[in-house]
């Protein structure tokens, strides 16, 4: 007897997260269906126009907004940004450079510096072990 494998599927929210797009901005058929692993791979390798447009102009999910602004997701929340933003809105925020954004970028830079220091310290410790 041979058993047929069923294709691995995921919820639209999971697929949207893997594609780095805002689920509510995707087409209705994407939001209402399920996405197979093969479909996800196809979307990643040869994205349709709607996906290219979303990636280019948004609205973008919070993790993408945070990355484009150089802050953490928590930093966005502290700055009062709770909604998805378009590329145009992100560029306007960068141009305005509000105080909260400057502060969150500085905080993020310190976190990166500390992470690098700890990583270096761990590497030194590993080299010293016999």
Protein backbone atom coordinates (compact mmCIF):
# COMPACT_ATOMS: atom_id res chain seq x y z
CA UNK A 1 0.00 0.00 0.00
CA UNK A 2 1.25 3.45 -0.81
CA UNK A 3 0.04 6.44 1.05
CA UNK A 4 -0.32 9.73 -0.68
CA UNK A 5 1.26 12.68 1.04
CA UNK A 6 -1.01 15.62 1.56
CA UNK A 7 0.62 18.93 0.77
CA UNK A 8 1.67 20.98 3.76
CA UNK A 9 -0.57 24.04 4.07
CA UNK A 10 -0.60 27.12 6.23
CA UNK A 11 -3.05 29.80 7.21
CA UNK A 12 -3.00 33.02 5.21
CA UNK A 13 -1.66 34.92 8.25
CA UNK A 14 1.37 32.61 8.43
CA UNK A 15 2.00 32.92 4.70
CA UNK A 16 1.70 36.72 4.85
CA UNK A 17 4.21 36.82 7.69
CA UNK A 18 6.65 34.66 5.72
CA UNK A 19 6.18 36.95 2.69
CA UNK A 20 6.64 40.10 4.86
CA UNK A 21 3.33 41.60 3.78
CA UNK A 22 0.36 43.02 5.67
CA UNK A 23 -2.40 40.38 5.52
CA UNK A 24 -5.29 42.86 5.36
CA UNK A 25 -3.77 44.42 2.22
CA UNK A 26 -3.60 41.11 0.32
CA UNK A 27 -6.31 40.07 -2.16
CA UNK A 28 -9.46 38.45 -0.74
CA UNK A 29 -8.71 35.07 -2.34
CA UNK A 30 -5.34 35.02 -0.52
CA UNK A 31 -6.95 35.95 2.82
CA UNK A 32 -9.75 33.41 2.56
CA UNK A 33 -7.86 30.35 1.37
CA UNK A 34 -4.99 28.23 2.56
CA UNK A 35 -1.50 28.40 1.12
CA UNK A 36 0.50 25.28 0.35
CA UNK A 37 4.27 25.15 0.77
CA UNK A 38 4.61 24.92 -3.03
CA UNK A 39 2.39 27.99 -3.52
CA UNK A 40 4.44 29.92 -0.96
CA UNK A 41 7.67 28.96 -2.75
CA UNK A 42 6.17 30.12 -6.05
CA UNK A 43 5.06 33.42 -4.49
CA UNK A 44 8.59 33.95 -3.15
CA UNK A 45 10.44 33.07 -6.34
CA UNK A 46 8.15 34.70 -8.89
CA UNK A 47 5.81 37.09 -7.07
CA UNK A 48 2.64 38.24 -8.84
CA UNK A 49 2.09 41.96 -9.42
CA UNK A 50 -0.06 42.43 -6.29
CA UNK A 51 2.75 41.05 -4.13
CA UNK A 52 5.42 43.18 -5.81
CA UNK A 53 3.20 46.25 -5.35
CA UNK A 54 2.63 45.48 -1.64
CA UNK A 55 6.35 45.01 -1.04
CA UNK A 56 7.16 48.22 -2.88
CA UNK A 57 4.46 50.59 -1.55
CA UNK A 58 2.81 48.87 1.40
CA UNK A 59 1.01 49.03 3.65
CA UNK A 60 3.77 47.21 5.47
CA UNK A 61 3.45 45.07 8.63
CA UNK A 62 5.03 46.37 11.83
CA UNK A 63 8.20 44.28 11.57
CA UNK A 64 8.91 45.75 8.13
CA UNK A 65 8.09 49.30 9.31
CA UNK A 66 10.41 48.84 12.30
CA UNK A 67 13.23 47.56 10.07
CA UNK A 68 12.81 50.42 7.57
CA UNK A 69 12.94 52.96 10.42
CA UNK A 70 15.82 51.23 12.21
CA UNK A 71 13.92 50.67 15.46
CA UNK A 72 12.36 47.76 17.32
CA UNK A 73 8.67 46.83 17.20
CA UNK A 74 8.45 47.93 20.83
CA UNK A 75 10.00 51.24 19.82
CA UNK A 76 7.23 51.72 17.27
CA UNK A 77 4.63 51.14 19.98
CA UNK A 78 6.35 53.60 22.32
CA UNK A 79 6.33 56.10 19.47
CA UNK A 80 2.58 55.62 18.99
CA UNK A 81 2.82 53.76 15.68
CA UNK A 82 0.34 50.91 15.96
CA UNK A 83 -0.98 50.65 12.39
CA UNK A 84 0.59 49.40 9.19
CA UNK A 85 2.30 52.19 7.25
CA UNK A 86 2.86 52.74 3.55
CA UNK A 87 6.30 53.41 2.12
CA UNK A 88 5.27 57.05 1.65
CA UNK A 89 4.30 57.36 5.33
CA UNK A 90 7.58 55.75 6.40
CA UNK A 91 9.56 58.19 4.24
CA UNK A 92 7.58 61.11 5.71
CA UNK A 93 8.40 59.90 9.23
CA UNK A 94 12.08 59.65 8.33
CA UNK A 95 12.00 63.16 6.89
CA UNK A 96 10.25 64.60 9.96
CA UNK A 97 12.65 62.69 12.24
CA UNK A 98 10.58 63.16 15.42
CA UNK A 99 12.28 63.02 18.80
CA UNK A 100 10.84 59.59 19.65
CA UNK A 101 12.34 58.17 16.44
CA UNK A 102 15.77 59.62 17.20
CA UNK A 103 15.59 58.20 20.72
CA UNK A 104 14.48 54.73 19.54
CA UNK A 105 17.22 54.63 16.89
CA UNK A 106 19.80 55.47 19.56
CA UNK A 107 18.39 52.74 21.80
CA UNK A 108 18.51 50.25 18.93
CA UNK A 109 22.13 51.20 18.18
CA UNK A 110 23.07 50.56 21.82
CA UNK A 111 21.33 47.18 21.75
CA UNK A 112 23.24 46.20 18.60
CA UNK A 113 26.51 47.35 20.14
CA UNK A 114 25.87 45.35 23.32
CA UNK A 115 24.88 42.27 21.31
CA UNK A 116 28.12 42.49 19.31
CA UNK A 117 30.13 42.89 22.53
CA UNK A 118 28.55 39.81 24.09
CA UNK A 119 29.07 37.80 20.91
CA UNK A 120 32.73 38.79 20.82
CA UNK A 121 33.14 37.91 24.50
CA UNK A 122 31.60 34.47 23.90
CA UNK A 123 33.91 33.87 20.93
CA UNK A 124 36.95 34.78 23.05
CA UNK A 125 35.77 32.45 25.81
CA UNK A 126 35.36 29.57 23.35
CA UNK A 127 38.85 30.09 21.94
CA UNK A 128 40.43 29.97 25.39
CA UNK A 129 38.90 26.58 26.24
CA UNK A 130 41.33 23.66 25.86
